[in-house]
Amino acid sequence: MGDGAVYVVIPHEFGHAVQAQLESGFEYNVEQELQADCYAGATLGGMIKAGLIQAEEGDDEELFANLEAAGDPTDAWWEPNAHGTPEQRQRAFAKGFDGGVQTC
């Protein structure tokens, strides 16, 4: 959904690569997925702050629409494939964007 999707999807997947290197031991999949969303937000926020890319008008709406579309329809956090509700995913992304990777 829009050109902003790559700034959610690709950094999210890189977040999983970081988790593998750190050998993060999460009990529930949803914890891993929300941290990857946080890493994605931190990546994008860092790139904008460093001047590597520029945000365009409407980007934030695109990003949050992508996170909403990728969210779980229910809060069944115990499910093995849970990724988090749209609101949880948006909050995790915003947390990383605003606070950087150390907040993840």
PDB file of N, CA and C in Angstrom:
ATOM      1  N   MET A   1       0.831  -1.181   0.000  1.00  0.00           N
ATOM      2  CA  MET A   1       0.000   0.000   0.000  1.00  0.00           C
ATOM      3  C   MET A   1       0.874   1.241   0.000  1.00  0.00           C
ATOM      4  N   GLY A   2       1.141   1.725  -1.159  1.00  0.00           N
ATOM      5  CA  GLY A   2       1.958   2.920  -1.283  1.00  0.00           C
ATOM      6  C   GLY A   2       3.437   2.598  -1.249  1.00  0.00           C
ATOM      7  N   ASP A   3       4.232   3.597  -1.571  1.00  0.00           N
ATOM      8  CA  ASP A   3       5.680   3.390  -1.601  1.00  0.00           C
ATOM      9  C   ASP A   3       6.282   3.275  -0.210  1.00  0.00           C
ATOM     10  N   GLY A   4       5.532   3.629   0.821  1.00  0.00           N
ATOM     11  CA  GLY A   4       6.027   3.524   2.194  1.00  0.00           C
ATOM     12  C   GLY A   4       6.089   2.104   2.721  1.00  0.00           C
ATOM     13  N   ALA A   5       5.455   1.168   2.026  1.00  0.00           N
ATOM     14  CA  ALA A   5       5.422  -0.217   2.499  1.00  0.00           C
ATOM     15  C   ALA A   5       6.823  -0.794   2.682  1.00  0.00           C
ATOM     16  N   VAL A   6       7.737  -0.430   1.797  1.00  0.00           N
ATOM     17  CA  VAL A   6       9.089  -0.980   1.911  1.00  0.00           C
ATOM     18  C   VAL A   6       9.774  -0.542   3.201  1.00  0.00           C
ATOM     19  N   TYR A   7       9.350   0.579   3.764  1.00  0.00           N
ATOM     20  CA  TYR A   7       9.971   1.080   5.000  1.00  0.00           C
ATOM     21  C   TYR A   7       9.382   0.420   6.241  1.00  0.00           C
ATOM     22  N   VAL A   8       8.393  -0.437   6.035  1.00  0.00           N
ATOM     23  CA  VAL A   8       7.867  -1.263   7.116  1.00  0.00           C
ATOM     24  C   VAL A   8       8.354  -2.692   6.934  1.00  0.00           C
ATOM     25  N   VAL A   9       8.133  -3.241   5.758  1.00  0.00           N
ATOM     26  CA  VAL A   9       8.364  -4.656   5.521  1.00  0.00           C
ATOM     27  C   VAL A   9       9.843  -5.022   5.575  1.00  0.00           C
ATOM     28  N   ILE A  10      10.673  -4.330   4.835  1.00  0.00           N
ATOM     29  CA  ILE A  10      12.091  -4.700   4.767  1.00  0.00           C
ATOM     30  C   ILE A  10      12.786  -4.510   6.114  1.00  0.00           C
ATOM     31  N   PRO A  11      12.652  -3.360   6.791  1.00  0.00           N
ATOM     32  CA  PRO A  11      13.296  -3.234   8.106  1.00  0.00           C
ATOM     33  C   PRO A  11      12.728  -4.216   9.136  1.00  0.00           C
ATOM     34  N   HIS A  12      11.450  -4.569   9.017  1.00  0.00           N
ATOM     35  CA  HIS A  12      10.865  -5.569   9.913  1.00  0.00           C
ATOM     36  C   HIS A  12      11.603  -6.899   9.752  1.00  0.00           C
ATOM     37  N   GLU A  13      11.836  -7.301   8.516  1.00  0.00           N
ATOM     38  CA  GLU A  13      12.533  -8.562   8.271  1.00  0.00           C
ATOM     39  C   GLU A  13      13.998  -8.494   8.707  1.00  0.00           C
ATOM     40  N   PHE A  14      14.642  -7.345   8.510  1.00  0.00           N
ATOM     41  CA  PHE A  14      15.998  -7.175   9.043  1.00  0.00           C
ATOM     42  C   PHE A  14      15.980  -7.269  10.565  1.00  0.00           C
ATOM     43  N   GLY A  15      14.901  -6.783  11.179  1.00  0.00           N
ATOM     44  CA  GLY A  15      14.749  -6.912  12.626  1.00  0.00           C
ATOM     45  C   GLY A  15      14.797  -8.360  13.070  1.00  0.00           C
ATOM     46  N   HIS A  16      14.187  -9.246  12.289  1.00  0.00           N
ATOM     47  CA  HIS A  16      14.254 -10.677  12.613  1.00  0.00           C
ATOM     48  C   HIS A  16      15.689 -11.198  12.497  1.00  0.00           C
ATOM     49  N   ALA A  17      16.436 -10.673  11.539  1.00  0.00           N
ATOM     50  CA  ALA A  17      17.839 -11.082  11.405  1.00  0.00           C
ATOM     51  C   ALA A  17      18.646 -10.639  12.628  1.00  0.00           C
ATOM     52  N   VAL A  18      18.370  -9.449  13.120  1.00  0.00           N
ATOM     53  CA  VAL A  18      19.033  -8.960  14.337  1.00  0.00           C
ATOM     54  C   VAL A  18      18.667  -9.860  15.511  1.00  0.00           C
ATOM     55  N   GLN A  19      17.405 -10.203  15.624  1.00  0.00           N
ATOM     56  CA  GLN A  19      16.968 -11.072  16.711  1.00  0.00           C
ATOM     57  C   GLN A  19      17.697 -12.419  16.672  1.00  0.00           C
ATOM     58  N   ALA A  20      17.880 -12.954  15.483  1.00  0.00           N
ATOM     59  CA  ALA A  20      18.585 -14.232  15.355  1.00  0.00           C
ATOM     60  C   ALA A  20      20.027 -14.109  15.821  1.00  0.00           C
ATOM     61  N   GLN A  21      20.668 -12.974  15.507  1.00  0.00           N
ATOM     62  CA  GLN A  21      22.046 -12.760  15.939  1.00  0.00           C
ATOM     63  C   GLN A  21      22.136 -12.587  17.458  1.00  0.00           C
ATOM     64  N   LEU A  22      21.124 -11.942  18.022  1.00  0.00           N
ATOM     65  CA  LEU A  22      21.110 -11.720  19.473  1.00  0.00           C
ATOM     66  C   LEU A  22      20.592 -12.934  20.235  1.00  0.00           C
ATOM     67  N   GLU A  23      20.099 -13.916  19.496  1.00  0.00           N
ATOM     68  CA  GLU A  23      19.508 -15.118  20.076  1.00  0.00           C
ATOM     69  C   GLU A  23      18.440 -14.753  21.101  1.00  0.00           C
ATOM     70  N   SER A  24      17.548 -13.863  20.681  1.00  0.00           N
ATOM     71  CA  SER A  24      16.448 -13.431  21.538  1.00  0.00           C
ATOM     72  C   SER A  24      15.552 -14.629  21.830  1.00  0.00           C
ATOM     73  N   GLY A  25      15.283 -14.860  23.086  1.00  0.00           N
ATOM     74  CA  GLY A  25      14.466 -16.001  23.478  1.00  0.00           C
ATOM     75  C   GLY A  25      13.089 -15.569  23.937  1.00  0.00           C
ATOM     76  N   PHE A  26      12.211 -15.354  22.999  1.00  0.00           N
ATOM     77  CA  PHE A  26      10.857 -14.937  23.341  1.00  0.00           C
ATOM     78  C   PHE A  26       9.988 -16.166  23.590  1.00  0.00           C
ATOM     79  N   GLU A  27       9.099 -16.046  24.557  1.00  0.00           N
ATOM     80  CA  GLU A  27       8.183 -17.132  24.843  1.00  0.00           C
ATOM     81  C   GLU A  27       7.064 -17.192  23.809  1.00  0.00           C
ATOM     82  N   TYR A  28       6.632 -16.026  23.336  1.00  0.00           N
ATOM     83  CA  TYR A  28       5.527 -15.955  22.388  1.00  0.00           C
ATOM     84  C   TYR A  28       5.966 -15.264  21.108  1.00  0.00           C
ATOM     85  N   ASN A  29       5.458 -15.742  19.988  1.00  0.00           N
ATOM     86  CA  ASN A  29       5.784 -15.178  18.687  1.00  0.00           C
ATOM     87  C   ASN A  29       5.438 -13.691  18.606  1.00  0.00           C
ATOM     88  N   VAL A  30       4.332 -13.304  19.217  1.00  0.00           N
ATOM     89  CA  VAL A  30       3.897 -11.910  19.138  1.00  0.00           C
ATOM     90  C   VAL A  30       4.970 -10.970  19.702  1.00  0.00           C
ATOM     91  N   GLU A  31       5.696 -11.396  20.722  1.00  0.00           N
ATOM     92  CA  GLU A  31       6.768 -10.565  21.284  1.00  0.00           C
ATOM     93  C   GLU A  31       7.855 -10.320  20.244  1.00  0.00           C
ATOM     94  N   GLN A  32       8.216 -11.361  19.534  1.00  0.00           N
ATOM     95  CA  GLN A  32       9.235 -11.256  18.486  1.00  0.00           C
ATOM     96  C   GLN A  32       8.765 -10.340  17.365  1.00  0.00           C
ATOM     97  N   GLU A  33       7.508 -10.487  16.957  1.00  0.00           N
ATOM     98  CA  GLU A  33       6.980  -9.690  15.859  1.00  0.00           C
ATOM     99  C   GLU A  33       6.882  -8.210  16.218  1.00  0.00           C
ATOM    100  N   LEU A  34       6.447  -7.914  17.428  1.00  0.00           N
ATOM    101  CA  LEU A  34       6.330  -6.511  17.837  1.00  0.00           C
ATOM    102  C   LEU A  34       7.709  -5.868  17.995  1.00  0.00           C
ATOM    103  N   GLN A  35       8.691  -6.635  18.447  1.00  0.00           N
ATOM    104  CA  GLN A  35      10.038  -6.079  18.515  1.00  0.00           C
ATOM    105  C   GLN A  35      10.565  -5.801  17.105  1.00  0.00           C
ATOM    106  N   ALA A  36      10.269  -6.664  16.157  1.00  0.00           N
ATOM    107  CA  ALA A  36      10.698  -6.426  14.774  1.00  0.00           C
ATOM    108  C   ALA A  36      10.030  -5.170  14.219  1.00  0.00           C
ATOM    109  N   ASP A  37       8.775  -4.927  14.585  1.00  0.00           N
ATOM    110  CA  ASP A  37       8.111  -3.682  14.187  1.00  0.00           C
ATOM    111  C   ASP A  37       8.803  -2.482  14.817  1.00  0.00           C
ATOM    112  N   CYS A  38       9.196  -2.621  16.069  1.00  0.00           N
ATOM    113  CA  CYS A  38       9.911  -1.538  16.753  1.00  0.00           C
ATOM    114  C   CYS A  38      11.248  -1.257  16.052  1.00  0.00           C
ATOM    115  N   TYR A  39      11.960  -2.322  15.709  1.00  0.00           N
ATOM    116  CA  TYR A  39      13.219  -2.158  14.969  1.00  0.00           C
ATOM    117  C   TYR A  39      12.983  -1.458  13.633  1.00  0.00           C
ATOM    118  N   ALA A  40      11.894  -1.803  12.968  1.00  0.00           N
ATOM    119  CA  ALA A  40      11.581  -1.162  11.690  1.00  0.00           C
ATOM    120  C   ALA A  40      11.356   0.337  11.882  1.00  0.00           C
ATOM    121  N   GLY A  41      10.623   0.701  12.917  1.00  0.00           N
ATOM    122  CA  GLY A  41      10.405   2.118  13.207  1.00  0.00           C
ATOM    123  C   GLY A  41      11.700   2.832  13.540  1.00  0.00           C
ATOM    124  N   ALA A  42      12.554   2.170  14.327  1.00  0.00           N
ATOM    125  CA  ALA A  42      13.836   2.771  14.692  1.00  0.00           C
ATOM    126  C   ALA A  42      14.719   2.965  13.464  1.00  0.00           C
ATOM    127  N   THR A  43      14.682   2.017  12.556  1.00  0.00           N
ATOM    128  CA  THR A  43      15.466   2.120  11.324  1.00  0.00           C
ATOM    129  C   THR A  43      15.016   3.316  10.491  1.00  0.00           C
ATOM    130  N   LEU A  44      13.719   3.413  10.276  1.00  0.00           N
ATOM    131  CA  LEU A  44      13.198   4.522   9.485  1.00  0.00           C
ATOM    132  C   LEU A  44      13.461   5.856  10.174  1.00  0.00           C
ATOM    133  N   GLY A  45      13.189   5.933  11.464  1.00  0.00           N
ATOM    134  CA  GLY A  45      13.435   7.178  12.199  1.00  0.00           C
ATOM    135  C   GLY A  45      14.896   7.588  12.129  1.00  0.00           C
ATOM    136  N   GLY A  46      15.796   6.620  12.275  1.00  0.00           N
ATOM    137  CA  GLY A  46      17.225   6.908  12.202  1.00  0.00           C
ATOM    138  C   GLY A  46      17.661   7.390  10.835  1.00  0.00           C
ATOM    139  N   MET A  47      17.097   6.796   9.797  1.00  0.00           N
ATOM    140  CA  MET A  47      17.448   7.211   8.440  1.00  0.00           C
ATOM    141  C   MET A  47      16.967   8.634   8.155  1.00  0.00           C
ATOM    142  N   ILE A  48      15.796   8.974   8.639  1.00  0.00           N
ATOM    143  CA  ILE A  48      15.279  10.332   8.439  1.00  0.00           C
ATOM    144  C   ILE A  48      16.108  11.328   9.230  1.00  0.00           C
ATOM    145  N   LYS A  49      16.404  11.006  10.491  1.00  0.00           N
ATOM    146  CA  LYS A  49      17.197  11.920  11.330  1.00  0.00           C
ATOM    147  C   LYS A  49      18.596  12.130  10.777  1.00  0.00           C
ATOM    148  N   ALA A  50      19.162  11.088  10.154  1.00  0.00           N
ATOM    149  CA  ALA A  50      20.504  11.194   9.575  1.00  0.00           C
ATOM    150  C   ALA A  50      20.488  11.889   8.219  1.00  0.00           C
ATOM    151  N   GLY A  51      19.315  12.178   7.692  1.00  0.00           N
ATOM    152  CA  GLY A  51      19.216  12.840   6.403  1.00  0.00           C
ATOM    153  C   GLY A  51      19.430  11.920   5.217  1.00  0.00           C
ATOM    154  N   LEU A  52      19.355  10.606   5.437  1.00  0.00           N
ATOM    155  CA  LEU A  52      19.557   9.656   4.347  1.00  0.00           C
ATOM    156  C   LEU A  52      18.336   9.575   3.433  1.00  0.00           C
ATOM    157  N   ILE A  53      17.173   9.797   4.009  1.00  0.00           N
ATOM    158  CA  ILE A  53      15.937   9.850   3.238  1.00  0.00           C
ATOM    159  C   ILE A  53      15.083  10.973   3.806  1.00  0.00           C
ATOM    160  N   GLN A  54      14.097  11.381   3.044  1.00  0.00           N
ATOM    161  CA  GLN A  54      13.183  12.428   3.499  1.00  0.00           C
ATOM    162  C   GLN A  54      11.774  11.881   3.536  1.00  0.00           C
ATOM    163  N   ALA A  55      11.074  12.232   4.582  1.00  0.00           N
ATOM    164  CA  ALA A  55       9.664  11.860   4.676  1.00  0.00           C
ATOM    165  C   ALA A  55       8.854  12.764   3.762  1.00  0.00           C
ATOM    166  N   GLU A  56       7.865  12.184   3.134  1.00  0.00           N
ATOM    167  CA  GLU A  56       6.965  12.943   2.276  1.00  0.00           C
ATOM    168  C   GLU A  56       5.593  13.019   2.932  1.00  0.00           C
ATOM    169  N   GLU A  57       4.831  13.997   2.539  1.00  0.00           N
ATOM    170  CA  GLU A  57       3.484  14.128   3.077  1.00  0.00           C
ATOM    171  C   GLU A  57       2.693  12.866   2.772  1.00  0.00           C
ATOM    172  N   GLY A  58       2.011  12.352   3.771  1.00  0.00           N
ATOM    173  CA  GLY A  58       1.204  11.151   3.623  1.00  0.00           C
ATOM    174  C   GLY A  58       1.928   9.864   3.952  1.00  0.00           C
ATOM    175  N   ASP A  59       3.243   9.931   4.155  1.00  0.00           N
ATOM    176  CA  ASP A  59       3.997   8.715   4.471  1.00  0.00           C
ATOM    177  C   ASP A  59       3.521   8.064   5.758  1.00  0.00           C
ATOM    178  N   ASP A  60       3.263   8.872   6.775  1.00  0.00           N
ATOM    179  CA  ASP A  60       2.852   8.287   8.047  1.00  0.00           C
ATOM    180  C   ASP A  60       1.537   7.528   7.908  1.00  0.00           C
ATOM    181  N   GLU A  61       0.602   8.062   7.120  1.00  0.00           N
ATOM    182  CA  GLU A  61      -0.664   7.365   6.898  1.00  0.00           C
ATOM    183  C   GLU A  61      -0.439   6.041   6.168  1.00  0.00           C
ATOM    184  N   GLU A  62       0.465   6.038   5.188  1.00  0.00           N
ATOM    185  CA  GLU A  62       0.772   4.805   4.457  1.00  0.00           C
ATOM    186  C   GLU A  62       1.389   3.765   5.385  1.00  0.00           C
ATOM    187  N   LEU A  63       2.329   4.199   6.203  1.00  0.00           N
ATOM    188  CA  LEU A  63       2.998   3.274   7.108  1.00  0.00           C
ATOM    189  C   LEU A  63       2.002   2.641   8.066  1.00  0.00           C
ATOM    190  N   PHE A  64       1.159   3.463   8.654  1.00  0.00           N
ATOM    191  CA  PHE A  64       0.197   2.949   9.620  1.00  0.00           C
ATOM    192  C   PHE A  64      -0.880   2.103   8.942  1.00  0.00           C
ATOM    193  N   ALA A  65      -1.219   2.405   7.700  1.00  0.00           N
ATOM    194  CA  ALA A  65      -2.172   1.574   6.958  1.00  0.00           C
ATOM    195  C   ALA A  65      -1.580   0.191   6.693  1.00  0.00           C
ATOM    196  N   ASN A  66      -0.298   0.132   6.380  1.00  0.00           N
ATOM    197  CA  ASN A  66       0.360  -1.152   6.170  1.00  0.00           C
ATOM    198  C   ASN A  66       0.392  -1.969   7.450  1.00  0.00           C
ATOM    199  N   LEU A  67       0.705  -1.324   8.562  1.00  0.00           N
ATOM    200  CA  LEU A  67       0.731  -2.024   9.844  1.00  0.00           C
ATOM    201  C   LEU A  67      -0.669  -2.493  10.240  1.00  0.00           C
ATOM    202  N   GLU A  68      -1.661  -1.670   9.934  1.00  0.00           N
ATOM    203  CA  GLU A  68      -3.041  -2.053  10.233  1.00  0.00           C
ATOM    204  C   GLU A  68      -3.442  -3.283   9.419  1.00  0.00           C
ATOM    205  N   ALA A  69      -3.103  -3.273   8.146  1.00  0.00           N
ATOM    206  CA  ALA A  69      -3.464  -4.387   7.272  1.00  0.00           C
ATOM    207  C   ALA A  69      -2.760  -5.679   7.674  1.00  0.00           C
ATOM    208  N   ALA A  70      -1.584  -5.565   8.242  1.00  0.00           N
ATOM    209  CA  ALA A  70      -0.800  -6.742   8.628  1.00  0.00           C
ATOM    210  C   ALA A  70      -1.111  -7.225  10.040  1.00  0.00           C
ATOM    211  N   GLY A  71      -1.950  -6.494  10.758  1.00  0.00           N
ATOM    212  CA  GLY A  71      -2.270  -6.865  12.131  1.00  0.00           C
ATOM    213  C   GLY A  71      -3.223  -8.039  12.214  1.00  0.00           C
ATOM    214  N   ASP A  72      -3.173  -8.713  13.339  1.00  0.00           N
ATOM    215  CA  ASP A  72      -4.074  -9.833  13.595  1.00  0.00           C
ATOM    216  C   ASP A  72      -5.484  -9.313  13.867  1.00  0.00           C
ATOM    217  N   PRO A  73      -6.488 -10.046  13.430  1.00  0.00           N
ATOM    218  CA  PRO A  73      -7.866  -9.601  13.655  1.00  0.00           C
ATOM    219  C   PRO A  73      -8.313  -9.691  15.114  1.00  0.00           C
ATOM    220  N   THR A  74      -7.634 -10.503  15.902  1.00  0.00           N
ATOM    221  CA  THR A  74      -7.965 -10.615  17.328  1.00  0.00           C
ATOM    222  C   THR A  74      -6.697 -10.501  18.147  1.00  0.00           C
ATOM    223  N   ASP A  75      -6.866 -10.389  19.436  1.00  0.00           N
ATOM    224  CA  ASP A  75      -5.718 -10.301  20.344  1.00  0.00           C
ATOM    225  C   ASP A  75      -5.394 -11.676  20.926  1.00  0.00           C
ATOM    226  N   ALA A  76      -5.333 -12.675  20.080  1.00  0.00           N
ATOM    227  CA  ALA A  76      -4.991 -14.029  20.516  1.00  0.00           C
ATOM    228  C   ALA A  76      -3.470 -14.153  20.571  1.00  0.00           C
ATOM    229  N   TRP A  77      -2.855 -13.438  21.510  1.00  0.00           N
ATOM    230  CA  TRP A  77      -1.397 -13.335  21.609  1.00  0.00           C
ATOM    231  C   TRP A  77      -0.703 -14.672  21.843  1.00  0.00           C
ATOM    232  N   TRP A  78      -1.410 -15.647  22.339  1.00  0.00           N
ATOM    233  CA  TRP A  78      -0.826 -16.949  22.648  1.00  0.00           C
ATOM    234  C   TRP A  78      -0.703 -17.840  21.413  1.00  0.00           C
ATOM    235  N   GLU A  79      -1.342 -17.453  20.318  1.00  0.00           N
ATOM    236  CA  GLU A  79      -1.284 -18.252  19.097  1.00  0.00           C
ATOM    237  C   GLU A  79       0.153 -18.285  18.564  1.00  0.00           C
ATOM    238  N   PRO A  80       0.595 -19.429  18.049  1.00  0.00           N
ATOM    239  CA  PRO A  80       1.979 -19.559  17.584  1.00  0.00           C
ATOM    240  C   PRO A  80       2.361 -18.614  16.445  1.00  0.00           C
ATOM    241  N   ASN A  81       1.385 -18.172  15.655  1.00  0.00           N
ATOM    242  CA  ASN A  81       1.703 -17.280  14.533  1.00  0.00           C
ATOM    243  C   ASN A  81       1.218 -15.850  14.760  1.00  0.00           C
ATOM    244  N   ALA A  82       0.920 -15.486  15.983  1.00  0.00           N
ATOM    245  CA  ALA A  82       0.412 -14.140  16.289  1.00  0.00           C
ATOM    246  C   ALA A  82       1.473 -13.083  15.978  1.00  0.00           C
ATOM    247  N   HIS A  83       0.995 -11.982  15.374  1.00  0.00           N
ATOM    248  CA  HIS A  83       1.868 -10.854  15.047  1.00  0.00           C
ATOM    249  C   HIS A  83       1.489  -9.591  15.809  1.00  0.00           C
ATOM    250  N   GLY A  84       0.367  -9.604  16.492  1.00  0.00           N
ATOM    251  CA  GLY A  84      -0.105  -8.417  17.199  1.00  0.00           C
ATOM    252  C   GLY A  84      -1.252  -7.762  16.465  1.00  0.00           C
ATOM    253  N   THR A  85      -2.084  -7.078  17.224  1.00  0.00           N
ATOM    254  CA  THR A  85      -3.207  -6.357  16.630  1.00  0.00           C
ATOM    255  C   THR A  85      -2.682  -5.160  15.839  1.00  0.00           C
ATOM    256  N   PRO A  86      -3.510  -4.585  14.989  1.00  0.00           N
ATOM    257  CA  PRO A  86      -3.063  -3.386  14.274  1.00  0.00           C
ATOM    258  C   PRO A  86      -2.560  -2.296  15.235  1.00  0.00           C
ATOM    259  N   GLU A  87      -3.276  -2.082  16.315  1.00  0.00           N
ATOM    260  CA  GLU A  87      -2.876  -1.044  17.275  1.00  0.00           C
ATOM    261  C   GLU A  87      -1.543  -1.370  17.937  1.00  0.00           C
ATOM    262  N   GLN A  88      -1.334  -2.639  18.299  1.00  0.00           N
ATOM    263  CA  GLN A  88      -0.063  -3.035  18.906  1.00  0.00           C
ATOM    264  C   GLN A  88       1.092  -2.845  17.931  1.00  0.00           C
ATOM    265  N   ARG A  89       0.872  -3.202  16.694  1.00  0.00           N
ATOM    266  CA  ARG A  89       1.929  -3.079  15.690  1.00  0.00           C
ATOM    267  C   ARG A  89       2.255  -1.615  15.422  1.00  0.00           C
ATOM    268  N   GLN A  90       1.223  -0.775  15.347  1.00  0.00           N
ATOM    269  CA  GLN A  90       1.446   0.657  15.146  1.00  0.00           C
ATOM    270  C   GLN A  90       2.187   1.266  16.332  1.00  0.00           C
ATOM    271  N   ARG A  91       1.810   0.894  17.543  1.00  0.00           N
ATOM    272  CA  ARG A  91       2.492   1.413  18.740  1.00  0.00           C
ATOM    273  C   ARG A  91       3.956   0.997  18.778  1.00  0.00           C
ATOM    274  N   ALA A  92       4.222  -0.268  18.450  1.00  0.00           N
ATOM    275  CA  ALA A  92       5.600  -0.759  18.466  1.00  0.00           C
ATOM    276  C   ALA A  92       6.454  -0.009  17.440  1.00  0.00           C
ATOM    277  N   PHE A  93       5.919   0.184  16.248  1.00  0.00           N
ATOM    278  CA  PHE A  93       6.634   0.920  15.205  1.00  0.00           C
ATOM    279  C   PHE A  93       6.907   2.354  15.658  1.00  0.00           C
ATOM    280  N   ALA A  94       5.891   3.018  16.188  1.00  0.00           N
ATOM    281  CA  ALA A  94       6.039   4.403  16.646  1.00  0.00           C
ATOM    282  C   ALA A  94       7.037   4.507  17.791  1.00  0.00           C
ATOM    283  N   LYS A  95       7.037   3.516  18.667  1.00  0.00           N
ATOM    284  CA  LYS A  95       7.991   3.503  19.782  1.00  0.00           C
ATOM    285  C   LYS A  95       9.422   3.511  19.259  1.00  0.00           C
ATOM    286  N   GLY A  96       9.702   2.663  18.283  1.00  0.00           N
ATOM    287  CA  GLY A  96      11.031   2.625  17.693  1.00  0.00           C
ATOM    288  C   GLY A  96      11.353   3.893  16.927  1.00  0.00           C
ATOM    289  N   PHE A  97      10.391   4.395  16.170  1.00  0.00           N
ATOM    290  CA  PHE A  97      10.597   5.615  15.391  1.00  0.00           C
ATOM    291  C   PHE A  97      10.946   6.779  16.309  1.00  0.00           C
ATOM    292  N   ASP A  98      10.203   6.934  17.396  1.00  0.00           N
ATOM    293  CA  ASP A  98      10.406   8.057  18.305  1.00  0.00           C
ATOM    294  C   ASP A  98      11.609   7.899  19.217  1.00  0.00           C
ATOM    295  N   GLY A  99      11.861   6.660  19.676  1.00  0.00           N
ATOM    296  CA  GLY A  99      12.878   6.454  20.701  1.00  0.00           C
ATOM    297  C   GLY A  99      14.152   5.786  20.259  1.00  0.00           C
ATOM    298  N   GLY A 100      14.183   5.290  19.034  1.00  0.00           N
ATOM    299  CA  GLY A 100      15.384   4.615  18.561  1.00  0.00           C
ATOM    300  C   GLY A 100      15.441   3.157  18.990  1.00  0.00           C
ATOM    301  N   VAL A 101      16.453   2.482  18.494  1.00  0.00           N
ATOM    302  CA  VAL A 101      16.575   1.040  18.698  1.00  0.00           C
ATOM    303  C   VAL A 101      16.700   0.663  20.175  1.00  0.00           C
ATOM    304  N   GLN A 102      17.248   1.537  20.987  1.00  0.00           N
ATOM    305  CA  GLN A 102      17.416   1.215  22.405  1.00  0.00           C
ATOM    306  C   GLN A 102      16.073   1.051  23.118  1.00  0.00           C
ATOM    307  N   THR A 103      14.998   1.575  22.562  1.00  0.00           N
ATOM    308  CA  THR A 103      13.681   1.424  23.186  1.00  0.00           C
ATOM    309  C   THR A 103      13.036   0.091  22.834  1.00  0.00           C
ATOM    310  N   CYS A 104      13.623  -0.621  21.876  1.00  0.00           N
ATOM    311  CA  CYS A 104      13.037  -1.882  21.420  1.00  0.00           C
ATOM    312  C   CYS A 104      13.474  -3.029  22.309  1.00  0.00           C
TER     313      CYS A 104
END
